[in-house]
Amino acid sequence: MITAIRTNFRGDRFRSRLEARWAVFFDRMGYVYEYEPNGYVLDGNPYLPDFAMDGGDMFVEVKPLHFSQWTEDDPQYVRWLAISGLWNAPASVLPPLVTLAGSPADARAILFVDFQAQPVVGHVGACRRCGAFGWHSPEVGHGVLFGGDSSCECERTPDFGIIEDAARYAQEFSFDH
């Protein structure tokens, strides 16, 4: 088992270097986030989201890349959902959740809109016109997750190519020890 490296960035102490890299990415892209906002108790289990985006309209969890290959039959996946309390969480309790699996440079998005339904897995990117962070899945389509300009047409015509610079910046960022 790999031990997470606690990392400081902009006044927050992140539980892992991976979470800190995502914070650097969000910061570079100009996305508003709060690290580990209020916790919840779901099905008797405590749940603390990694990030709340846009004032809490969406939660973001950060996991290693191999998380994107988990399936609903995978014991690790089922255990994570059960421990986090997300398996039975009604949609009215929490905002939508996206799990970002991997670093900003190689991420896959796992989107839970209704926690009792099968999640959608897709690639992540940002709109070239407004900067909205979104996802694309060949099987399901695409959508905007957070950020951006509501007057942009990126939900209808996605152009998710601008994250490369911010992802590279986050990957190469040197944290203080």
N, C-alpha and C. Protein backbone atom coordinates (compact mmCIF):
# COMPACT_ATOMS: atom_id res chain seq x y z
N MET A 1 0.85 -1.18 0.00
CA MET A 1 0.00 0.00 0.00
C MET A 1 0.89 1.25 0.00
N ILE A 2 0.55 2.20 -0.83
CA ILE A 2 1.30 3.45 -0.93
C ILE A 2 0.74 4.42 0.12
N THR A 3 1.64 5.04 0.87
CA THR A 3 1.23 6.02 1.87
C THR A 3 1.11 7.39 1.23
N ALA A 4 -0.01 8.05 1.49
CA ALA A 4 -0.23 9.39 0.95
C ALA A 4 0.73 10.38 1.60
N ILE A 5 1.15 11.36 0.83
CA ILE A 5 2.04 12.40 1.32
C ILE A 5 1.20 13.64 1.62
N ARG A 6 1.09 13.98 2.90
CA ARG A 6 0.37 15.21 3.26
C ARG A 6 1.12 16.39 2.66
N THR A 7 0.35 17.31 2.08
CA THR A 7 0.96 18.40 1.31
C THR A 7 0.26 19.72 1.59
N ASN A 8 1.04 20.78 1.75
CA ASN A 8 0.50 22.12 1.97
C ASN A 8 0.45 22.88 0.65
N PHE A 9 -0.66 23.62 0.46
CA PHE A 9 -0.80 24.50 -0.69
C PHE A 9 -1.79 25.60 -0.33
N ARG A 10 -1.36 26.83 -0.47
CA ARG A 10 -2.20 28.01 -0.25
C ARG A 10 -2.98 27.97 1.07
N GLY A 11 -2.33 27.54 2.12
CA GLY A 11 -2.95 27.56 3.44
C GLY A 11 -3.75 26.33 3.81
N ASP A 12 -3.95 25.41 2.89
CA ASP A 12 -4.64 24.16 3.20
C ASP A 12 -3.62 23.04 3.34
N ARG A 13 -3.90 22.09 4.23
CA ARG A 13 -3.07 20.89 4.37
C ARG A 13 -3.86 19.74 3.77
N PHE A 14 -3.41 19.29 2.61
CA PHE A 14 -4.12 18.24 1.88
C PHE A 14 -3.67 16.87 2.39
N ARG A 15 -4.60 15.93 2.37
CA ARG A 15 -4.30 14.58 2.86
C ARG A 15 -3.40 13.80 1.91
N SER A 16 -3.30 14.27 0.66
CA SER A 16 -2.44 13.58 -0.31
C SER A 16 -1.88 14.58 -1.31
N ARG A 17 -0.78 14.19 -1.93
CA ARG A 17 -0.19 15.01 -2.98
C ARG A 17 -1.15 15.09 -4.17
N LEU A 18 -1.89 14.02 -4.42
CA LEU A 18 -2.85 14.01 -5.53
C LEU A 18 -3.93 15.08 -5.32
N GLU A 19 -4.48 15.18 -4.10
CA GLU A 19 -5.47 16.22 -3.83
C GLU A 19 -4.85 17.61 -4.02
N ALA A 20 -3.62 17.78 -3.56
CA ALA A 20 -2.95 19.07 -3.71
C ALA A 20 -2.73 19.42 -5.18
N ARG A 21 -2.40 18.42 -6.01
CA ARG A 21 -2.22 18.69 -7.44
C ARG A 21 -3.53 19.15 -8.07
N TRP A 22 -4.65 18.55 -7.66
CA TRP A 22 -5.94 19.00 -8.17
C TRP A 22 -6.23 20.42 -7.70
N ALA A 23 -5.85 20.78 -6.48
CA ALA A 23 -6.05 22.15 -6.00
C ALA A 23 -5.24 23.12 -6.84
N VAL A 24 -4.01 22.76 -7.18
CA VAL A 24 -3.17 23.60 -8.04
C VAL A 24 -3.85 23.76 -9.39
N PHE A 25 -4.36 22.66 -9.94
CA PHE A 25 -5.07 22.69 -11.22
C PHE A 25 -6.29 23.61 -11.15
N PHE A 26 -7.14 23.41 -10.13
CA PHE A 26 -8.34 24.25 -9.99
C PHE A 26 -7.95 25.71 -9.88
N ASP A 27 -6.93 25.99 -9.09
CA ASP A 27 -6.46 27.35 -8.90
C ASP A 27 -5.99 27.96 -10.22
N ARG A 28 -5.20 27.20 -10.97
CA ARG A 28 -4.67 27.67 -12.25
C ARG A 28 -5.79 27.95 -13.26
N MET A 29 -6.84 27.12 -13.21
CA MET A 29 -7.97 27.29 -14.12
C MET A 29 -8.94 28.38 -13.65
N GLY A 30 -8.75 28.87 -12.43
CA GLY A 30 -9.63 29.91 -11.90
C GLY A 30 -10.93 29.39 -11.32
N TYR A 31 -11.00 28.10 -11.00
CA TYR A 31 -12.21 27.52 -10.41
C TYR A 31 -12.25 27.81 -8.92
N VAL A 32 -13.42 28.13 -8.42
CA VAL A 32 -13.61 28.40 -7.00
C VAL A 32 -13.89 27.07 -6.30
N TYR A 33 -13.07 26.77 -5.28
CA TYR A 33 -13.25 25.53 -4.55
C TYR A 33 -13.02 25.76 -3.06
N GLU A 34 -13.57 24.86 -2.26
CA GLU A 34 -13.29 24.81 -0.83
C GLU A 34 -12.82 23.40 -0.52
N TYR A 35 -11.69 23.28 0.15
CA TYR A 35 -11.15 21.97 0.49
C TYR A 35 -11.81 21.45 1.76
N GLU A 36 -12.25 20.22 1.73
CA GLU A 36 -12.91 19.53 2.84
C GLU A 36 -13.89 20.44 3.59
N PRO A 37 -14.98 20.78 2.90
CA PRO A 37 -16.02 21.60 3.54
C PRO A 37 -16.74 20.77 4.61
N ASN A 38 -17.92 21.18 4.98
CA ASN A 38 -18.69 20.47 6.02
C ASN A 38 -18.80 18.99 5.75
N GLY A 39 -18.75 18.21 6.82
CA GLY A 39 -18.94 16.77 6.71
C GLY A 39 -20.41 16.40 6.88
N TYR A 40 -20.73 15.18 6.53
CA TYR A 40 -22.09 14.66 6.61
C TYR A 40 -22.05 13.29 7.26
N VAL A 41 -23.18 12.86 7.79
CA VAL A 41 -23.32 11.48 8.26
C VAL A 41 -24.37 10.85 7.36
N LEU A 42 -23.95 9.83 6.62
CA LEU A 42 -24.84 9.14 5.68
C LEU A 42 -24.88 7.67 6.05
N ASP A 43 -26.07 7.17 6.30
CA ASP A 43 -26.22 5.78 6.70
C ASP A 43 -25.34 5.45 7.91
N GLY A 44 -25.18 6.41 8.81
CA GLY A 44 -24.38 6.20 10.00
C GLY A 44 -22.88 6.31 9.78
N ASN A 45 -22.46 6.61 8.55
CA ASN A 45 -21.03 6.73 8.23
C ASN A 45 -20.68 8.19 7.97
N PRO A 46 -19.55 8.66 8.52
CA PRO A 46 -19.15 10.04 8.23
C PRO A 46 -18.67 10.16 6.79
N TYR A 47 -19.00 11.27 6.16
CA TYR A 47 -18.55 11.54 4.80
C TYR A 47 -18.05 12.97 4.73
N LEU A 48 -16.83 13.16 4.26
CA LEU A 48 -16.22 14.47 4.12
C LEU A 48 -15.73 14.59 2.68
N PRO A 49 -16.43 15.37 1.84
CA PRO A 49 -15.99 15.50 0.45
C PRO A 49 -14.64 16.20 0.37
N ASP A 50 -13.84 15.83 -0.64
CA ASP A 50 -12.54 16.45 -0.82
C ASP A 50 -12.68 17.93 -1.18
N PHE A 51 -13.55 18.23 -2.13
CA PHE A 51 -13.73 19.61 -2.58
C PHE A 51 -15.21 19.91 -2.77
N ALA A 52 -15.58 21.14 -2.46
CA ALA A 52 -16.89 21.67 -2.86
C ALA A 52 -16.59 22.74 -3.91
N MET A 53 -17.24 22.64 -5.03
CA MET A 53 -17.00 23.56 -6.15
C MET A 53 -18.14 24.55 -6.26
N ASP A 54 -17.82 25.75 -6.73
CA ASP A 54 -18.83 26.78 -6.99
C ASP A 54 -19.76 26.99 -5.81
N GLY A 55 -19.22 27.12 -4.62
CA GLY A 55 -20.05 27.38 -3.44
C GLY A 55 -20.82 26.18 -2.95
N GLY A 56 -20.44 24.99 -3.34
CA GLY A 56 -21.08 23.78 -2.86
C GLY A 56 -22.11 23.19 -3.80
N ASP A 57 -22.16 23.66 -5.05
CA ASP A 57 -23.12 23.13 -6.02
C ASP A 57 -22.72 21.75 -6.53
N MET A 58 -21.46 21.38 -6.36
CA MET A 58 -20.98 20.07 -6.77
C MET A 58 -19.84 19.67 -5.84
N PHE A 59 -19.80 18.38 -5.49
CA PHE A 59 -18.69 17.84 -4.71
C PHE A 59 -17.74 17.12 -5.65
N VAL A 60 -16.45 17.18 -5.30
CA VAL A 60 -15.42 16.48 -6.06
C VAL A 60 -14.64 15.60 -5.11
N GLU A 61 -14.52 14.33 -5.46
CA GLU A 61 -13.66 13.38 -4.78
C GLU A 61 -12.47 13.11 -5.68
N VAL A 62 -11.30 12.95 -5.11
CA VAL A 62 -10.10 12.65 -5.88
C VAL A 62 -9.61 11.27 -5.48
N LYS A 63 -9.38 10.42 -6.45
CA LYS A 63 -8.93 9.05 -6.21
C LYS A 63 -7.81 8.71 -7.19
N PRO A 64 -7.02 7.68 -6.89
CA PRO A 64 -5.98 7.24 -7.84
C PRO A 64 -6.61 6.79 -9.16
N LEU A 65 -5.83 6.79 -10.23
CA LEU A 65 -6.35 6.47 -11.56
C LEU A 65 -7.01 5.10 -11.62
N HIS A 66 -6.47 4.11 -10.91
CA HIS A 66 -7.06 2.76 -11.00
C HIS A 66 -8.50 2.73 -10.52
N PHE A 67 -8.94 3.75 -9.77
CA PHE A 67 -10.33 3.84 -9.32
C PHE A 67 -11.29 3.86 -10.51
N SER A 68 -10.87 4.44 -11.64
CA SER A 68 -11.75 4.54 -12.81
C SER A 68 -12.03 3.19 -13.44
N GLN A 69 -11.25 2.17 -13.09
CA GLN A 69 -11.49 0.84 -13.64
C GLN A 69 -12.35 -0.02 -12.72
N TRP A 70 -12.70 0.50 -11.55
CA TRP A 70 -13.56 -0.26 -10.65
C TRP A 70 -14.95 -0.38 -11.27
N THR A 71 -15.61 -1.46 -10.99
CA THR A 71 -16.98 -1.66 -11.45
C THR A 71 -17.86 -1.86 -10.23
N GLU A 72 -19.16 -1.86 -10.44
CA GLU A 72 -20.07 -2.04 -9.30
C GLU A 72 -19.93 -3.42 -8.66
N ASP A 73 -19.29 -4.37 -9.37
CA ASP A 73 -19.06 -5.70 -8.80
C ASP A 73 -17.73 -5.80 -8.06
N ASP A 74 -16.90 -4.77 -8.19
CA ASP A 74 -15.58 -4.78 -7.58
C ASP A 74 -15.70 -4.55 -6.08
N PRO A 75 -15.14 -5.43 -5.24
CA PRO A 75 -15.26 -5.28 -3.79
C PRO A 75 -14.70 -3.95 -3.28
N GLN A 76 -13.60 -3.44 -3.88
CA GLN A 76 -13.05 -2.16 -3.43
C GLN A 76 -14.02 -1.02 -3.70
N TYR A 77 -14.66 -1.04 -4.85
CA TYR A 77 -15.61 0.00 -5.23
C TYR A 77 -16.82 -0.03 -4.30
N VAL A 78 -17.37 -1.20 -4.10
CA VAL A 78 -18.53 -1.35 -3.22
C VAL A 78 -18.18 -0.92 -1.80
N ARG A 79 -16.97 -1.31 -1.34
CA ARG A 79 -16.52 -0.94 0.00
C ARG A 79 -16.41 0.59 0.11
N TRP A 80 -15.83 1.25 -0.92
CA TRP A 80 -15.70 2.70 -0.87
C TRP A 80 -17.06 3.37 -0.79
N LEU A 81 -18.00 2.92 -1.61
CA LEU A 81 -19.34 3.51 -1.59
C LEU A 81 -20.01 3.28 -0.24
N ALA A 82 -19.85 2.07 0.30
CA ALA A 82 -20.49 1.74 1.58
C ALA A 82 -19.87 2.55 2.72
N ILE A 83 -18.54 2.62 2.76
CA ILE A 83 -17.86 3.36 3.82
C ILE A 83 -18.20 4.84 3.75
N SER A 84 -18.23 5.38 2.55
CA SER A 84 -18.50 6.81 2.41
C SER A 84 -19.97 7.13 2.66
N GLY A 85 -20.82 6.11 2.65
CA GLY A 85 -22.25 6.34 2.85
C GLY A 85 -22.96 6.77 1.58
N LEU A 86 -22.24 6.79 0.46
CA LEU A 86 -22.83 7.29 -0.78
C LEU A 86 -23.79 6.31 -1.44
N TRP A 87 -23.65 5.04 -1.12
CA TRP A 87 -24.44 4.02 -1.81
C TRP A 87 -25.93 4.29 -1.72
N ASN A 88 -26.41 4.69 -0.55
CA ASN A 88 -27.85 4.90 -0.37
C ASN A 88 -28.23 6.35 -0.16
N ALA A 89 -27.32 7.27 -0.44
CA ALA A 89 -27.61 8.69 -0.20
C ALA A 89 -28.67 9.19 -1.18
N PRO A 90 -29.76 9.73 -0.67
CA PRO A 90 -30.77 10.29 -1.58
C PRO A 90 -30.22 11.55 -2.25
N ALA A 91 -30.64 11.78 -3.46
CA ALA A 91 -30.14 12.92 -4.24
C ALA A 91 -30.43 14.25 -3.55
N SER A 92 -31.45 14.30 -2.70
CA SER A 92 -31.79 15.55 -2.03
C SER A 92 -30.83 15.90 -0.90
N VAL A 93 -30.02 14.94 -0.45
CA VAL A 93 -29.11 15.17 0.68
C VAL A 93 -27.83 15.85 0.24
N LEU A 94 -27.28 15.44 -0.88
CA LEU A 94 -26.00 15.96 -1.36
C LEU A 94 -26.13 16.50 -2.77
N PRO A 95 -25.28 17.44 -3.12
CA PRO A 95 -25.25 17.88 -4.53
C PRO A 95 -24.62 16.78 -5.38
N PRO A 96 -24.64 16.91 -6.70
CA PRO A 96 -23.98 15.92 -7.55
C PRO A 96 -22.51 15.77 -7.17
N LEU A 97 -21.99 14.58 -7.37
CA LEU A 97 -20.61 14.26 -7.03
C LEU A 97 -19.89 13.79 -8.28
N VAL A 98 -18.69 14.32 -8.50
CA VAL A 98 -17.82 13.78 -9.54
C VAL A 98 -16.57 13.28 -8.84
N THR A 99 -16.17 12.08 -9.19
CA THR A 99 -14.92 11.53 -8.69
C THR A 99 -13.90 11.68 -9.81
N LEU A 100 -12.81 12.37 -9.53
CA LEU A 100 -11.75 12.54 -10.50
C LEU A 100 -10.68 11.50 -10.19
N ALA A 101 -10.55 10.54 -11.08
CA ALA A 101 -9.61 9.44 -10.88
C ALA A 101 -8.34 9.74 -11.66
N GLY A 102 -7.23 9.87 -10.94
CA GLY A 102 -5.96 10.16 -11.56
C GLY A 102 -5.55 11.60 -11.33
N SER A 103 -4.40 11.97 -11.90
CA SER A 103 -3.91 13.34 -11.78
C SER A 103 -4.60 14.20 -12.83
N PRO A 104 -4.45 15.52 -12.74
CA PRO A 104 -5.07 16.37 -13.77
C PRO A 104 -4.59 16.03 -15.19
N ALA A 105 -3.39 15.48 -15.32
CA ALA A 105 -2.86 15.17 -16.66
C ALA A 105 -3.48 13.92 -17.28
N ASP A 106 -4.01 13.00 -16.48
CA ASP A 106 -4.52 11.74 -17.04
C ASP A 106 -5.89 11.37 -16.47
N ALA A 107 -6.63 12.34 -16.02
CA ALA A 107 -7.84 12.08 -15.25
C ALA A 107 -8.98 11.47 -16.06
N ARG A 108 -9.77 10.71 -15.35
CA ARG A 108 -11.05 10.22 -15.82
C ARG A 108 -12.09 10.73 -14.82
N ALA A 109 -13.22 11.12 -15.30
CA ALA A 109 -14.29 11.60 -14.43
C ALA A 109 -15.30 10.49 -14.24
N ILE A 110 -15.71 10.29 -13.01
CA ILE A 110 -16.76 9.33 -12.68
C ILE A 110 -17.86 10.14 -12.03
N LEU A 111 -18.95 10.29 -12.73
CA LEU A 111 -20.00 11.22 -12.33
C LEU A 111 -21.17 10.49 -11.69
N PHE A 112 -21.50 10.90 -10.46
CA PHE A 112 -22.68 10.41 -9.77
C PHE A 112 -23.68 11.56 -9.72
N VAL A 113 -24.73 11.48 -10.51
CA VAL A 113 -25.78 12.50 -10.42
C VAL A 113 -26.84 12.00 -9.45
N ASP A 114 -27.17 10.74 -9.55
CA ASP A 114 -28.08 10.08 -8.63
C ASP A 114 -27.28 8.94 -8.03
N PHE A 115 -27.03 8.99 -6.74
CA PHE A 115 -26.13 8.04 -6.10
C PHE A 115 -26.63 6.60 -6.13
N GLN A 116 -27.90 6.40 -6.49
CA GLN A 116 -28.41 5.04 -6.54
C GLN A 116 -28.36 4.47 -7.95
N ALA A 117 -27.86 5.26 -8.90
CA ALA A 117 -27.76 4.81 -10.29
C ALA A 117 -26.31 4.48 -10.62
N GLN A 118 -26.13 3.81 -11.74
CA GLN A 118 -24.78 3.49 -12.21
C GLN A 118 -24.07 4.79 -12.60
N PRO A 119 -22.83 4.97 -12.14
CA PRO A 119 -22.11 6.20 -12.50
C PRO A 119 -21.73 6.24 -13.97
N VAL A 120 -21.46 7.44 -14.47
CA VAL A 120 -21.01 7.67 -15.83
C VAL A 120 -19.50 7.89 -15.79
N VAL A 121 -18.74 7.19 -16.63
CA VAL A 121 -17.29 7.37 -16.68
C VAL A 121 -16.94 8.07 -17.98
N GLY A 122 -16.11 9.09 -17.90
CA GLY A 122 -15.72 9.82 -19.11
C GLY A 122 -14.39 10.52 -18.93
N HIS A 123 -13.95 11.18 -19.97
CA HIS A 123 -12.73 11.98 -19.95
C HIS A 123 -13.08 13.39 -19.52
N VAL A 124 -12.11 14.10 -18.94
CA VAL A 124 -12.36 15.47 -18.50
C VAL A 124 -11.68 16.47 -19.41
N GLY A 125 -12.18 17.69 -19.39
CA GLY A 125 -11.61 18.76 -20.17
C GLY A 125 -12.26 20.07 -19.81
N ALA A 126 -11.92 21.10 -20.54
CA ALA A 126 -12.50 22.42 -20.29
C ALA A 126 -12.83 23.08 -21.62
N CYS A 127 -13.85 23.90 -21.60
CA CYS A 127 -14.28 24.61 -22.80
C CYS A 127 -13.26 25.69 -23.15
N ARG A 128 -12.88 25.77 -24.41
CA ARG A 128 -11.92 26.79 -24.86
C ARG A 128 -12.50 28.20 -24.76
N ARG A 129 -13.80 28.32 -24.85
CA ARG A 129 -14.42 29.64 -24.86
C ARG A 129 -14.64 30.19 -23.45
N CYS A 130 -15.20 29.38 -22.55
CA CYS A 130 -15.57 29.93 -21.24
C CYS A 130 -14.81 29.30 -20.08
N GLY A 131 -14.06 28.21 -20.33
CA GLY A 131 -13.28 27.57 -19.26
C GLY A 131 -14.06 26.59 -18.41
N ALA A 132 -15.32 26.34 -18.72
CA ALA A 132 -16.11 25.40 -17.92
C ALA A 132 -15.45 24.03 -17.89
N PHE A 133 -15.42 23.40 -16.73
CA PHE A 133 -14.86 22.07 -16.56
C PHE A 133 -15.95 21.07 -16.87
N GLY A 134 -15.65 20.11 -17.72
CA GLY A 134 -16.69 19.16 -18.12
C GLY A 134 -16.15 17.78 -18.38
N TRP A 135 -17.01 16.91 -18.87
CA TRP A 135 -16.68 15.52 -19.13
C TRP A 135 -17.27 15.12 -20.48
N HIS A 136 -16.70 14.07 -21.04
CA HIS A 136 -17.21 13.52 -22.29
C HIS A 136 -17.11 12.00 -22.23
N SER A 137 -18.18 11.34 -22.57
CA SER A 137 -18.21 9.89 -22.63
C SER A 137 -18.82 9.49 -23.98
N PRO A 138 -18.11 8.67 -24.78
CA PRO A 138 -18.66 8.27 -26.08
C PRO A 138 -20.02 7.57 -25.95
N GLU A 139 -20.23 6.87 -24.84
CA GLU A 139 -21.49 6.14 -24.66
C GLU A 139 -22.65 7.03 -24.25
N VAL A 140 -22.36 8.09 -23.49
CA VAL A 140 -23.42 8.88 -22.88
C VAL A 140 -23.53 10.29 -23.44
N GLY A 141 -22.42 10.87 -23.82
CA GLY A 141 -22.44 12.25 -24.31
C GLY A 141 -21.48 13.10 -23.51
N HIS A 142 -21.89 14.33 -23.20
CA HIS A 142 -21.00 15.25 -22.51
C HIS A 142 -21.80 16.19 -21.63
N GLY A 143 -21.09 16.90 -20.78
CA GLY A 143 -21.75 17.87 -19.93
C GLY A 143 -20.75 18.73 -19.20
N VAL A 144 -21.25 19.83 -18.68
CA VAL A 144 -20.44 20.75 -17.89
C VAL A 144 -20.64 20.41 -16.42
N LEU A 145 -19.54 20.40 -15.66
CA LEU A 145 -19.62 20.09 -14.24
C LEU A 145 -19.63 21.36 -13.39
N PHE A 146 -18.69 22.28 -13.63
CA PHE A 146 -18.65 23.51 -12.85
C PHE A 146 -17.80 24.54 -13.58
N GLY A 147 -17.92 25.79 -13.11
CA GLY A 147 -17.17 26.88 -13.71
C GLY A 147 -17.77 27.33 -15.03
N GLY A 148 -17.13 28.32 -15.63
CA GLY A 148 -17.54 28.76 -16.95
C GLY A 148 -18.61 29.83 -16.94
N ASP A 149 -19.13 30.08 -18.12
CA ASP A 149 -20.10 31.13 -18.36
C ASP A 149 -21.39 30.49 -18.84
N SER A 150 -22.49 30.76 -18.16
CA SER A 150 -23.76 30.11 -18.50
C SER A 150 -24.26 30.49 -19.89
N SER A 151 -23.76 31.57 -20.47
CA SER A 151 -24.21 31.96 -21.81
C SER A 151 -23.45 31.22 -22.92
N CYS A 152 -22.39 30.50 -22.55
CA CYS A 152 -21.62 29.75 -23.55
C CYS A 152 -22.40 28.52 -24.01
N GLU A 153 -22.15 28.09 -25.21
CA GLU A 153 -22.84 26.93 -25.76
C GLU A 153 -22.04 25.64 -25.61
N CYS A 154 -21.11 25.59 -24.65
CA CYS A 154 -20.21 24.45 -24.55
C CYS A 154 -20.94 23.14 -24.25
N GLU A 155 -22.11 23.20 -23.63
CA GLU A 155 -22.83 21.95 -23.38
C GLU A 155 -23.32 21.34 -24.68
N ARG A 156 -23.60 22.18 -25.67
CA ARG A 156 -24.09 21.66 -26.95
C ARG A 156 -22.94 21.34 -27.91
N THR A 157 -21.86 22.11 -27.83
CA THR A 157 -20.72 21.90 -28.73
C THR A 157 -19.44 21.90 -27.91
N PRO A 158 -19.11 20.77 -27.27
CA PRO A 158 -17.95 20.75 -26.38
C PRO A 158 -16.64 20.93 -27.14
N ASP A 159 -15.75 21.61 -26.51
CA ASP A 159 -14.41 21.82 -27.04
C ASP A 159 -13.49 21.81 -25.82
N PHE A 160 -13.13 20.61 -25.38
CA PHE A 160 -12.45 20.45 -24.10
C PHE A 160 -10.95 20.30 -24.28
N GLY A 161 -10.30 21.31 -24.83
CA GLY A 161 -8.89 21.19 -25.09
C GLY A 161 -7.95 22.02 -24.27
N ILE A 162 -8.43 22.89 -23.39
CA ILE A 162 -7.52 23.85 -22.77
C ILE A 162 -6.90 23.41 -21.44
N ILE A 163 -7.16 22.22 -20.98
CA ILE A 163 -6.64 21.85 -19.66
C ILE A 163 -5.18 21.43 -19.68
N GLU A 164 -4.61 21.24 -20.88
CA GLU A 164 -3.24 20.71 -20.94
C GLU A 164 -2.25 21.59 -20.19
N ASP A 165 -2.32 22.92 -20.36
CA ASP A 165 -1.39 23.81 -19.69
C ASP A 165 -1.56 23.74 -18.17
N ALA A 166 -2.79 23.82 -17.69
CA ALA A 166 -3.03 23.77 -16.25
C ALA A 166 -2.67 22.41 -15.68
N ALA A 167 -2.94 21.33 -16.43
CA ALA A 167 -2.59 19.99 -15.96
C ALA A 167 -1.07 19.83 -15.88
N ARG A 168 -0.37 20.32 -16.88
CA ARG A 168 1.10 20.26 -16.87
C ARG A 168 1.65 21.09 -15.71
N TYR A 169 1.10 22.29 -15.53
CA TYR A 169 1.52 23.15 -14.43
C TYR A 169 1.33 22.44 -13.08
N ALA A 170 0.16 21.81 -12.89
CA ALA A 170 -0.12 21.10 -11.63
C ALA A 170 0.82 19.93 -11.44
N GLN A 171 1.11 19.21 -12.53
CA GLN A 171 1.99 18.04 -12.45
C GLN A 171 3.42 18.45 -12.09
N GLU A 172 3.87 19.59 -12.59
CA GLU A 172 5.24 20.02 -12.38
C GLU A 172 5.40 20.94 -11.17
N PHE A 173 4.29 21.30 -10.53
CA PHE A 173 4.34 22.22 -9.40
C PHE A 173 5.19 21.64 -8.28
N SER A 174 6.05 22.45 -7.71
CA SER A 174 6.93 22.03 -6.62
C SER A 174 6.35 22.54 -5.29
N PHE A 175 5.95 21.61 -4.45
CA PHE A 175 5.36 21.96 -3.16
C PHE A 175 6.44 22.17 -2.11
N ASP A 176 6.17 23.06 -1.15
CA ASP A 176 7.07 23.23 -0.01
C ASP A 176 6.96 22.01 0.89
N HIS A 177 8.05 21.65 1.50
CA HIS A 177 8.02 20.48 2.40
C HIS A 177 8.04 20.90 3.84
